[in-house]
């Protein structure tokens, strides 16, 4: 998503990640990958559980991508089965462009 950050911003979108890792681990990963958008920490899994994104029987978060419109309505919701199962950036950008177009 970092590589497409400018495209998200051109549509007036804000890109935010939520990590279930500890602050220092998330910061190290962000630095290593060159991530410049905000990463919010949910190491207690409170937000993750509220969206029912915790793998059954484990404290492992499922990968999820959401696009919300200006009123906070979810217009795209993709829940992966594993850490590698994520939507293509183009799919997320298309949803953002639809929101931006009104």
PDB file of N, CA and C in Angstrom:
ATOM      1  N   UNK A   1       0.824  -1.195   0.000  1.00  0.00           N
ATOM      2  CA  UNK A   1       0.000   0.000   0.000  1.00  0.00           C
ATOM      3  C   UNK A   1       0.870   1.261   0.000  1.00  0.00           C
ATOM      4  N   UNK A   2       2.050   1.170   0.607  1.00  0.00           N
ATOM      5  CA  UNK A   2       2.926   2.339   0.675  1.00  0.00           C
ATOM      6  C   UNK A   2       3.234   2.869  -0.725  1.00  0.00           C
ATOM      7  N   UNK A   3       3.481   1.969  -1.665  1.00  0.00           N
ATOM      8  CA  UNK A   3       3.831   2.398  -3.023  1.00  0.00           C
ATOM      9  C   UNK A   3       2.701   3.186  -3.682  1.00  0.00           C
ATOM     10  N   UNK A   4       1.474   2.952  -3.260  1.00  0.00           N
ATOM     11  CA  UNK A   4       0.316   3.638  -3.842  1.00  0.00           C
ATOM     12  C   UNK A   4      -0.189   4.779  -2.969  1.00  0.00           C
ATOM     13  N   UNK A   5       0.561   5.154  -1.939  1.00  0.00           N
ATOM     14  CA  UNK A   5       0.103   6.178  -0.998  1.00  0.00           C
ATOM     15  C   UNK A   5      -0.293   7.473  -1.703  1.00  0.00           C
ATOM     16  N   UNK A   6       0.502   7.922  -2.657  1.00  0.00           N
ATOM     17  CA  UNK A   6       0.191   9.167  -3.371  1.00  0.00           C
ATOM     18  C   UNK A   6      -1.144   9.052  -4.111  1.00  0.00           C
ATOM     19  N   UNK A   7      -1.421   7.890  -4.676  1.00  0.00           N
ATOM     20  CA  UNK A   7      -2.695   7.689  -5.379  1.00  0.00           C
ATOM     21  C   UNK A   7      -3.867   7.763  -4.415  1.00  0.00           C
ATOM     22  N   UNK A   8      -3.713   7.175  -3.237  1.00  0.00           N
ATOM     23  CA  UNK A   8      -4.769   7.272  -2.223  1.00  0.00           C
ATOM     24  C   UNK A   8      -4.998   8.732  -1.843  1.00  0.00           C
ATOM     25  N   UNK A   9      -3.913   9.451  -1.623  1.00  0.00           N
ATOM     26  CA  UNK A   9      -4.008  10.853  -1.211  1.00  0.00           C
ATOM     27  C   UNK A   9      -4.633  11.719  -2.299  1.00  0.00           C
ATOM     28  N   UNK A  10      -4.362  11.422  -3.567  1.00  0.00           N
ATOM     29  CA  UNK A  10      -4.962  12.179  -4.669  1.00  0.00           C
ATOM     30  C   UNK A  10      -6.484  12.074  -4.665  1.00  0.00           C
ATOM     31  N   UNK A  11      -6.997  10.981  -4.125  1.00  0.00           N
ATOM     32  CA  UNK A  11      -8.451  10.784  -4.018  1.00  0.00           C
ATOM     33  C   UNK A  11      -8.995  11.310  -2.696  1.00  0.00           C
ATOM     34  N   UNK A  12      -8.129  11.944  -1.907  1.00  0.00           N
ATOM     35  CA  UNK A  12      -8.562  12.490  -0.628  1.00  0.00           C
ATOM     36  C   UNK A  12      -8.681  11.452   0.473  1.00  0.00           C
ATOM     37  N   UNK A  13      -8.075  10.288   0.263  1.00  0.00           N
ATOM     38  CA  UNK A  13      -8.163   9.200   1.239  1.00  0.00           C
ATOM     39  C   UNK A  13      -7.015   9.261   2.236  1.00  0.00           C
ATOM     40  N   UNK A  14      -7.279   8.744   3.412  1.00  0.00           N
ATOM     41  CA  UNK A  14      -6.265   8.594   4.445  1.00  0.00           C
ATOM     42  C   UNK A  14      -6.017   7.110   4.631  1.00  0.00           C
ATOM     43  N   UNK A  15      -4.771   6.721   4.552  1.00  0.00           N
ATOM     44  CA  UNK A  15      -4.388   5.325   4.708  1.00  0.00           C
ATOM     45  C   UNK A  15      -3.875   5.122   6.126  1.00  0.00           C
ATOM     46  N   UNK A  16      -4.418   4.126   6.823  1.00  0.00           N
ATOM     47  CA  UNK A  16      -4.027   3.823   8.201  1.00  0.00           C
ATOM     48  C   UNK A  16      -3.950   2.310   8.338  1.00  0.00           C
ATOM     49  N   UNK A  17      -2.936   1.831   9.044  1.00  0.00           N
ATOM     50  CA  UNK A  17      -2.832   0.400   9.355  1.00  0.00           C
ATOM     51  C   UNK A  17      -3.086   0.199  10.837  1.00  0.00           C
ATOM     52  N   UNK A  18      -3.582  -0.971  11.174  1.00  0.00           N
ATOM     53  CA  UNK A  18      -3.725  -1.356  12.575  1.00  0.00           C
ATOM     54  C   UNK A  18      -2.911  -2.622  12.763  1.00  0.00           C
ATOM     55  N   UNK A  19      -2.010  -2.590  13.731  1.00  0.00           N
ATOM     56  CA  UNK A  19      -1.130  -3.721  14.007  1.00  0.00           C
ATOM     57  C   UNK A  19      -1.434  -4.303  15.376  1.00  0.00           C
ATOM     58  N   UNK A  20      -1.401  -5.626  15.468  1.00  0.00           N
ATOM     59  CA  UNK A  20      -1.583  -6.278  16.765  1.00  0.00           C
ATOM     60  C   UNK A  20      -0.237  -6.550  17.431  1.00  0.00           C
ATOM     61  N   UNK A  21       0.830  -6.121  16.788  1.00  0.00           N
ATOM     62  CA  UNK A  21       2.166  -6.291  17.356  1.00  0.00           C
ATOM     63  C   UNK A  21       2.467  -5.172  18.349  1.00  0.00           C
ATOM     64  N   UNK A  22       3.484  -5.377  19.143  1.00  0.00           N
ATOM     65  CA  UNK A  22       3.917  -4.355  20.100  1.00  0.00           C
ATOM     66  C   UNK A  22       4.406  -3.121  19.340  1.00  0.00           C
ATOM     67  N   UNK A  23       4.336  -1.962  19.991  1.00  0.00           N
ATOM     68  CA  UNK A  23       4.730  -0.685  19.391  1.00  0.00           C
ATOM     69  C   UNK A  23       6.131  -0.753  18.780  1.00  0.00           C
ATOM     70  N   UNK A  24       7.087  -1.274  19.550  1.00  0.00           N
ATOM     71  CA  UNK A  24       8.467  -1.283  19.053  1.00  0.00           C
ATOM     72  C   UNK A  24       8.630  -2.209  17.848  1.00  0.00           C
ATOM     73  N   UNK A  25       7.911  -3.326  17.812  1.00  0.00           N
ATOM     74  CA  UNK A  25       7.980  -4.229  16.661  1.00  0.00           C
ATOM     75  C   UNK A  25       7.348  -3.592  15.426  1.00  0.00           C
ATOM     76  N   UNK A  26       6.227  -2.925  15.620  1.00  0.00           N
ATOM     77  CA  UNK A  26       5.556  -2.249  14.506  1.00  0.00           C
ATOM     78  C   UNK A  26       6.407  -1.110  13.962  1.00  0.00           C
ATOM     79  N   UNK A  27       7.041  -0.365  14.858  1.00  0.00           N
ATOM     80  CA  UNK A  27       7.908   0.742  14.436  1.00  0.00           C
ATOM     81  C   UNK A  27       9.107   0.221  13.650  1.00  0.00           C
ATOM     82  N   UNK A  28       9.681  -0.882  14.105  1.00  0.00           N
ATOM     83  CA  UNK A  28      10.827  -1.462  13.402  1.00  0.00           C
ATOM     84  C   UNK A  28      10.421  -1.947  12.014  1.00  0.00           C
ATOM     85  N   UNK A  29       9.264  -2.573  11.917  1.00  0.00           N
ATOM     86  CA  UNK A  29       8.774  -3.040  10.622  1.00  0.00           C
ATOM     87  C   UNK A  29       8.500  -1.861   9.689  1.00  0.00           C
ATOM     88  N   UNK A  30       7.869  -0.826  10.212  1.00  0.00           N
ATOM     89  CA  UNK A  30       7.580   0.365   9.404  1.00  0.00           C
ATOM     90  C   UNK A  30       8.866   0.987   8.877  1.00  0.00           C
ATOM     91  N   UNK A  31       9.869   1.059   9.728  1.00  0.00           N
ATOM     92  CA  UNK A  31      11.148   1.633   9.293  1.00  0.00           C
ATOM     93  C   UNK A  31      11.793   0.758   8.228  1.00  0.00           C
ATOM     94  N   UNK A  32      11.798  -0.548   8.449  1.00  0.00           N
ATOM     95  CA  UNK A  32      12.420  -1.471   7.503  1.00  0.00           C
ATOM     96  C   UNK A  32      11.725  -1.432   6.146  1.00  0.00           C
ATOM     97  N   UNK A  33      10.396  -1.296   6.146  1.00  0.00           N
ATOM     98  CA  UNK A  33       9.632  -1.300   4.895  1.00  0.00           C
ATOM     99  C   UNK A  33       9.399   0.094   4.315  1.00  0.00           C
ATOM    100  N   UNK A  34       9.821   1.125   5.046  1.00  0.00           N
ATOM    101  CA  UNK A  34       9.635   2.488   4.562  1.00  0.00           C
ATOM    102  C   UNK A  34       8.194   2.957   4.619  1.00  0.00           C
ATOM    103  N   UNK A  35       7.438   2.451   5.573  1.00  0.00           N
ATOM    104  CA  UNK A  35       6.029   2.835   5.710  1.00  0.00           C
ATOM    105  C   UNK A  35       5.945   4.206   6.368  1.00  0.00           C
ATOM    106  N   UNK A  36       5.233   5.116   5.710  1.00  0.00           N
ATOM    107  CA  UNK A  36       5.128   6.484   6.235  1.00  0.00           C
ATOM    108  C   UNK A  36       3.722   6.829   6.722  1.00  0.00           C
ATOM    109  N   UNK A  37       2.738   5.982   6.432  1.00  0.00           N
ATOM    110  CA  UNK A  37       1.389   6.259   6.925  1.00  0.00           C
ATOM    111  C   UNK A  37       1.264   5.754   8.365  1.00  0.00           C
ATOM    112  N   UNK A  38       0.278   6.255   9.102  1.00  0.00           N
ATOM    113  CA  UNK A  38       0.152   5.885  10.520  1.00  0.00           C
ATOM    114  C   UNK A  38      -0.144   4.398  10.722  1.00  0.00           C
ATOM    115  N   UNK A  39       0.472   3.847  11.760  1.00  0.00           N
ATOM    116  CA  UNK A  39       0.179   2.485  12.193  1.00  0.00           C
ATOM    117  C   UNK A  39      -0.336   2.578  13.621  1.00  0.00           C
ATOM    118  N   UNK A  40      -1.589   2.209  13.806  1.00  0.00           N
ATOM    119  CA  UNK A  40      -2.196   2.221  15.129  1.00  0.00           C
ATOM    120  C   UNK A  40      -1.949   0.871  15.790  1.00  0.00           C
ATOM    121  N   UNK A  41      -1.711   0.873  17.086  1.00  0.00           N
ATOM    122  CA  UNK A  41      -1.369  -0.349  17.811  1.00  0.00           C
ATOM    123  C   UNK A  41      -2.595  -0.901  18.537  1.00  0.00           C
ATOM    124  N   UNK A  42      -2.861  -2.177  18.305  1.00  0.00           N
ATOM    125  CA  UNK A  42      -3.969  -2.889  18.953  1.00  0.00           C
ATOM    126  C   UNK A  42      -3.429  -4.187  19.560  1.00  0.00           C
ATOM    127  N   UNK A  43      -2.354  -4.064  20.351  1.00  0.00           N
ATOM    128  CA  UNK A  43      -1.712  -5.266  20.886  1.00  0.00           C
ATOM    129  C   UNK A  43      -2.570  -6.009  21.909  1.00  0.00           C
ATOM    130  N   UNK A  44      -3.613  -5.384  22.415  1.00  0.00           N
ATOM    131  CA  UNK A  44      -4.556  -6.074  23.308  1.00  0.00           C
ATOM    132  C   UNK A  44      -5.700  -6.717  22.513  1.00  0.00           C
ATOM    133  N   UNK A  45      -5.700  -6.526  21.198  1.00  0.00           N
ATOM    134  CA  UNK A  45      -6.685  -7.096  20.273  1.00  0.00           C
ATOM    135  C   UNK A  45      -8.109  -6.571  20.479  1.00  0.00           C
ATOM    136  N   UNK A  46      -8.262  -5.430  21.124  1.00  0.00           N
ATOM    137  CA  UNK A  46      -9.602  -4.889  21.390  1.00  0.00           C
ATOM    138  C   UNK A  46     -10.340  -4.552  20.094  1.00  0.00           C
ATOM    139  N   UNK A  47      -9.706  -3.795  19.219  1.00  0.00           N
ATOM    140  CA  UNK A  47     -10.336  -3.425  17.944  1.00  0.00           C
ATOM    141  C   UNK A  47     -10.490  -4.661  17.066  1.00  0.00           C
ATOM    142  N   UNK A  48      -9.460  -5.470  17.040  1.00  0.00           N
ATOM    143  CA  UNK A  48      -9.472  -6.680  16.217  1.00  0.00           C
ATOM    144  C   UNK A  48     -10.628  -7.594  16.610  1.00  0.00           C
ATOM    145  N   UNK A  49     -10.829  -7.774  17.901  1.00  0.00           N
ATOM    146  CA  UNK A  49     -11.945  -8.612  18.374  1.00  0.00           C
ATOM    147  C   UNK A  49     -13.296  -7.957  18.053  1.00  0.00           C
ATOM    148  N   UNK A  50     -13.370  -6.638  18.170  1.00  0.00           N
ATOM    149  CA  UNK A  50     -14.648  -5.961  17.918  1.00  0.00           C
ATOM    150  C   UNK A  50     -15.093  -6.113  16.467  1.00  0.00           C
ATOM    151  N   UNK A  51     -14.146  -6.308  15.564  1.00  0.00           N
ATOM    152  CA  UNK A  51     -14.468  -6.542  14.160  1.00  0.00           C
ATOM    153  C   UNK A  51     -14.481  -8.029  13.815  1.00  0.00           C
ATOM    154  N   UNK A  52     -14.376  -8.875  14.848  1.00  0.00           N
ATOM    155  CA  UNK A  52     -14.375 -10.332  14.681  1.00  0.00           C
ATOM    156  C   UNK A  52     -13.297 -10.788  13.704  1.00  0.00           C
ATOM    157  N   UNK A  53     -12.075 -10.284  13.935  1.00  0.00           N
ATOM    158  CA  UNK A  53     -10.953 -10.585  13.056  1.00  0.00           C
ATOM    159  C   UNK A  53      -9.869 -11.405  13.742  1.00  0.00           C
ATOM    160  N   UNK A  54     -10.244 -12.132  14.795  1.00  0.00           N
ATOM    161  CA  UNK A  54      -9.282 -12.984  15.489  1.00  0.00           C
ATOM    162  C   UNK A  54      -9.546 -14.418  15.074  1.00  0.00           C
ATOM    163  N   UNK A  55      -8.474 -15.109  14.657  1.00  0.00           N
ATOM    164  CA  UNK A  55      -8.600 -16.499  14.244  1.00  0.00           C
ATOM    165  C   UNK A  55      -9.085 -17.347  15.417  1.00  0.00           C
ATOM    166  N   UNK A  56     -10.071 -18.187  15.156  1.00  0.00           N
ATOM    167  CA  UNK A  56     -10.666 -19.036  16.192  1.00  0.00           C
ATOM    168  C   UNK A  56      -9.606 -19.832  16.950  1.00  0.00           C
ATOM    169  N   UNK A  57      -9.679 -19.790  18.287  1.00  0.00           N
ATOM    170  CA  UNK A  57      -8.785 -20.568  19.135  1.00  0.00           C
ATOM    171  C   UNK A  57      -7.377 -20.034  19.251  1.00  0.00           C
ATOM    172  N   UNK A  58      -7.090 -18.910  18.610  1.00  0.00           N
ATOM    173  CA  UNK A  58      -5.740 -18.342  18.637  1.00  0.00           C
ATOM    174  C   UNK A  58      -5.853 -16.836  18.822  1.00  0.00           C
ATOM    175  N   UNK A  59      -4.790 -16.234  19.262  1.00  0.00           N
ATOM    176  CA  UNK A  59      -4.746 -14.769  19.328  1.00  0.00           C
ATOM    177  C   UNK A  59      -4.008 -14.234  18.108  1.00  0.00           C
ATOM    178  N   UNK A  60      -4.461 -14.652  16.945  1.00  0.00           N
ATOM    179  CA  UNK A  60      -3.855 -14.240  15.681  1.00  0.00           C
ATOM    180  C   UNK A  60      -4.897 -13.450  14.901  1.00  0.00           C
ATOM    181  N   UNK A  61      -4.509 -12.274  14.461  1.00  0.00           N
ATOM    182  CA  UNK A  61      -5.428 -11.429  13.694  1.00  0.00           C
ATOM    183  C   UNK A  61      -5.478 -11.877  12.243  1.00  0.00           C
ATOM    184  N   UNK A  62      -6.675 -11.886  11.697  1.00  0.00           N
ATOM    185  CA  UNK A  62      -6.843 -12.123  10.270  1.00  0.00           C
ATOM    186  C   UNK A  62      -6.552 -10.815   9.536  1.00  0.00           C
ATOM    187  N   UNK A  63      -5.910 -10.885   8.371  1.00  0.00           N
ATOM    188  CA  UNK A  63      -5.675  -9.657   7.620  1.00  0.00           C
ATOM    189  C   UNK A  63      -6.996  -9.109   7.090  1.00  0.00           C
ATOM    190  N   UNK A  64      -7.186  -7.826   7.220  1.00  0.00           N
ATOM    191  CA  UNK A  64      -8.437  -7.221   6.775  1.00  0.00           C
ATOM    192  C   UNK A  64      -8.164  -5.857   6.165  1.00  0.00           C
ATOM    193  N   UNK A  65      -8.943  -5.531   5.158  1.00  0.00           N
ATOM    194  CA  UNK A  65      -8.861  -4.228   4.508  1.00  0.00           C
ATOM    195  C   UNK A  65     -10.271  -3.654   4.443  1.00  0.00           C
ATOM    196  N   UNK A  66     -10.401  -2.414   4.882  1.00  0.00           N
ATOM    197  CA  UNK A  66     -11.688  -1.728   4.858  1.00  0.00           C
ATOM    198  C   UNK A  66     -11.520  -0.392   4.143  1.00  0.00           C
ATOM    199  N   UNK A  67     -12.508  -0.011   3.359  1.00  0.00           N
ATOM    200  CA  UNK A  67     -12.601   1.338   2.811  1.00  0.00           C
ATOM    201  C   UNK A  67     -13.916   1.900   3.329  1.00  0.00           C
ATOM    202  N   UNK A  68     -13.826   3.063   3.955  1.00  0.00           N
ATOM    203  CA  UNK A  68     -15.012   3.731   4.488  1.00  0.00           C
ATOM    204  C   UNK A  68     -15.255   5.015   3.722  1.00  0.00           C
ATOM    205  N   UNK A  69     -16.517   5.362   3.551  1.00  0.00           N
ATOM    206  CA  UNK A  69     -16.819   6.639   2.917  1.00  0.00           C
ATOM    207  C   UNK A  69     -16.740   7.756   3.953  1.00  0.00           C
ATOM    208  N   UNK A  70     -17.063   8.961   3.536  1.00  0.00           N
ATOM    209  CA  UNK A  70     -16.922  10.123   4.424  1.00  0.00           C
ATOM    210  C   UNK A  70     -17.843  10.069   5.646  1.00  0.00           C
ATOM    211  N   UNK A  71     -18.897   9.277   5.565  1.00  0.00           N
ATOM    212  CA  UNK A  71     -19.824   9.137   6.696  1.00  0.00           C
ATOM    213  C   UNK A  71     -19.471   7.944   7.578  1.00  0.00           C
ATOM    214  N   UNK A  72     -18.392   7.240   7.237  1.00  0.00           N
ATOM    215  CA  UNK A  72     -17.976   6.085   8.023  1.00  0.00           C
ATOM    216  C   UNK A  72     -18.638   4.782   7.623  1.00  0.00           C
ATOM    217  N   UNK A  73     -19.340   4.784   6.496  1.00  0.00           N
ATOM    218  CA  UNK A  73     -19.991   3.571   6.003  1.00  0.00           C
ATOM    219  C   UNK A  73     -18.953   2.722   5.263  1.00  0.00           C
ATOM    220  N   UNK A  74     -18.899   1.444   5.585  1.00  0.00           N
ATOM    221  CA  UNK A  74     -17.950   0.538   4.938  1.00  0.00           C
ATOM    222  C   UNK A  74     -18.411   0.260   3.510  1.00  0.00           C
ATOM    223  N   UNK A  75     -17.552   0.587   2.530  1.00  0.00           N
ATOM    224  CA  UNK A  75     -17.883   0.346   1.126  1.00  0.00           C
ATOM    225  C   UNK A  75     -17.061  -0.804   0.540  1.00  0.00           C
ATOM    226  N   UNK A  76     -15.994  -1.189   1.224  1.00  0.00           N
ATOM    227  CA  UNK A  76     -15.199  -2.359   0.834  1.00  0.00           C
ATOM    228  C   UNK A  76     -14.742  -3.037   2.110  1.00  0.00           C
ATOM    229  N   UNK A  77     -14.952  -4.350   2.170  1.00  0.00           N
ATOM    230  CA  UNK A  77     -14.538  -5.142   3.332  1.00  0.00           C
ATOM    231  C   UNK A  77     -13.962  -6.441   2.802  1.00  0.00           C
ATOM    232  N   UNK A  78     -12.667  -6.625   2.985  1.00  0.00           N
ATOM    233  CA  UNK A  78     -11.993  -7.843   2.538  1.00  0.00           C
ATOM    234  C   UNK A  78     -11.290  -8.467   3.738  1.00  0.00           C
ATOM    235  N   UNK A  79     -11.657  -9.695   4.061  1.00  0.00           N
ATOM    236  CA  UNK A  79     -11.048 -10.420   5.164  1.00  0.00           C
ATOM    237  C   UNK A  79     -10.270 -11.584   4.565  1.00  0.00           C
ATOM    238  N   UNK A  80      -8.974 -11.630   4.851  1.00  0.00           N
ATOM    239  CA  UNK A  80      -8.142 -12.705   4.332  1.00  0.00           C
ATOM    240  C   UNK A  80      -8.189 -13.944   5.204  1.00  0.00           C
ATOM    241  N   UNK A  81      -7.838 -15.070   4.602  1.00  0.00           N
ATOM    242  CA  UNK A  81      -7.784 -16.325   5.351  1.00  0.00           C
ATOM    243  C   UNK A  81      -6.447 -16.513   6.044  1.00  0.00           C
ATOM    244  N   UNK A  82      -5.417 -15.833   5.542  1.00  0.00           N
ATOM    245  CA  UNK A  82      -4.084 -15.909   6.139  1.00  0.00           C
ATOM    246  C   UNK A  82      -3.340 -14.624   5.809  1.00  0.00           C
ATOM    247  N   UNK A  83      -2.151 -14.490   6.353  1.00  0.00           N
ATOM    248  CA  UNK A  83      -1.400 -13.236   6.226  1.00  0.00           C
ATOM    249  C   UNK A  83      -1.090 -12.868   4.772  1.00  0.00           C
ATOM    250  N   UNK A  84      -1.038 -13.840   3.891  1.00  0.00           N
ATOM    251  CA  UNK A  84      -0.731 -13.569   2.485  1.00  0.00           C
ATOM    252  C   UNK A  84      -1.980 -13.247   1.659  1.00  0.00           C
ATOM    253  N   UNK A  85      -3.139 -13.451   2.218  1.00  0.00           N
ATOM    254  CA  UNK A  85      -4.406 -13.269   1.497  1.00  0.00           C
ATOM    255  C   UNK A  85      -4.906 -11.838   1.681  1.00  0.00           C
ATOM    256  N   UNK A  86      -4.520 -10.993   0.752  1.00  0.00           N
ATOM    257  CA  UNK A  86      -4.876  -9.576   0.824  1.00  0.00           C
ATOM    258  C   UNK A  86      -5.383  -9.112  -0.541  1.00  0.00           C
ATOM    259  N   UNK A  87      -6.241  -8.093  -0.563  1.00  0.00           N
ATOM    260  CA  UNK A  87      -6.732  -7.605  -1.856  1.00  0.00           C
ATOM    261  C   UNK A  87      -5.623  -6.892  -2.626  1.00  0.00           C
ATOM    262  N   UNK A  88      -5.781  -6.859  -3.923  1.00  0.00           N
ATOM    263  CA  UNK A  88      -4.832  -6.115  -4.756  1.00  0.00           C
ATOM    264  C   UNK A  88      -5.024  -4.623  -4.503  1.00  0.00           C
ATOM    265  N   UNK A  89      -3.933  -3.891  -4.576  1.00  0.00           N
ATOM    266  CA  UNK A  89      -3.974  -2.445  -4.365  1.00  0.00           C
ATOM    267  C   UNK A  89      -4.964  -1.802  -5.330  1.00  0.00           C
ATOM    268  N   UNK A  90      -5.006  -2.292  -6.562  1.00  0.00           N
ATOM    269  CA  UNK A  90      -5.907  -1.730  -7.573  1.00  0.00           C
ATOM    270  C   UNK A  90      -7.375  -1.841  -7.143  1.00  0.00           C
ATOM    271  N   UNK A  91      -7.722  -2.935  -6.489  1.00  0.00           N
ATOM    272  CA  UNK A  91      -9.098  -3.122  -6.023  1.00  0.00           C
ATOM    273  C   UNK A  91      -9.445  -2.108  -4.935  1.00  0.00           C
ATOM    274  N   UNK A  92      -8.499  -1.881  -4.035  1.00  0.00           N
ATOM    275  CA  UNK A  92      -8.719  -0.918  -2.957  1.00  0.00           C
ATOM    276  C   UNK A  92      -8.787   0.497  -3.530  1.00  0.00           C
ATOM    277  N   UNK A  93      -7.886   0.810  -4.458  1.00  0.00           N
ATOM    278  CA  UNK A  93      -7.906   2.134  -5.095  1.00  0.00           C
ATOM    279  C   UNK A  93      -9.207   2.370  -5.858  1.00  0.00           C
ATOM    280  N   UNK A  94      -9.735   1.338  -6.499  1.00  0.00           N
ATOM    281  CA  UNK A  94     -11.000   1.479  -7.226  1.00  0.00           C
ATOM    282  C   UNK A  94     -12.131   1.837  -6.265  1.00  0.00           C
ATOM    283  N   UNK A  95     -12.149   1.213  -5.098  1.00  0.00           N
ATOM    284  CA  UNK A  95     -13.180   1.535  -4.101  1.00  0.00           C
ATOM    285  C   UNK A  95     -13.012   2.962  -3.604  1.00  0.00           C
ATOM    286  N   UNK A  96     -11.769   3.375  -3.393  1.00  0.00           N
ATOM    287  CA  UNK A  96     -11.490   4.746  -2.943  1.00  0.00           C
ATOM    288  C   UNK A  96     -11.918   5.745  -4.016  1.00  0.00           C
ATOM    289  N   UNK A  97     -11.624   5.440  -5.276  1.00  0.00           N
ATOM    290  CA  UNK A  97     -12.011   6.329  -6.377  1.00  0.00           C
ATOM    291  C   UNK A  97     -13.530   6.463  -6.465  1.00  0.00           C
ATOM    292  N   UNK A  98     -14.242   5.379  -6.226  1.00  0.00           N
ATOM    293  CA  UNK A  98     -15.709   5.414  -6.236  1.00  0.00           C
ATOM    294  C   UNK A  98     -16.229   6.334  -5.139  1.00  0.00           C
ATOM    295  N   UNK A  99     -15.641   6.226  -3.953  1.00  0.00           N
ATOM    296  CA  UNK A  99     -16.037   7.103  -2.841  1.00  0.00           C
ATOM    297  C   UNK A  99     -15.731   8.555  -3.191  1.00  0.00           C
ATOM    298  N   UNK A 100     -14.544   8.793  -3.760  1.00  0.00           N
ATOM    299  CA  UNK A 100     -14.138  10.162  -4.091  1.00  0.00           C
ATOM    300  C   UNK A 100     -15.058  10.782  -5.142  1.00  0.00           C
ATOM    301  N   UNK A 101     -15.551   9.947  -6.054  1.00  0.00           N
ATOM    302  CA  UNK A 101     -16.429  10.443  -7.118  1.00  0.00           C
ATOM    303  C   UNK A 101     -17.820  10.792  -6.595  1.00  0.00           C
ATOM    304  N   UNK A 102     -18.117  10.303  -5.393  1.00  0.00           N
ATOM    305  CA  UNK A 102     -19.395  10.634  -4.757  1.00  0.00           C
ATOM    306  C   UNK A 102     -20.485   9.754  -5.204  1.00  0.00           C
TER     307      UNK A 102
END
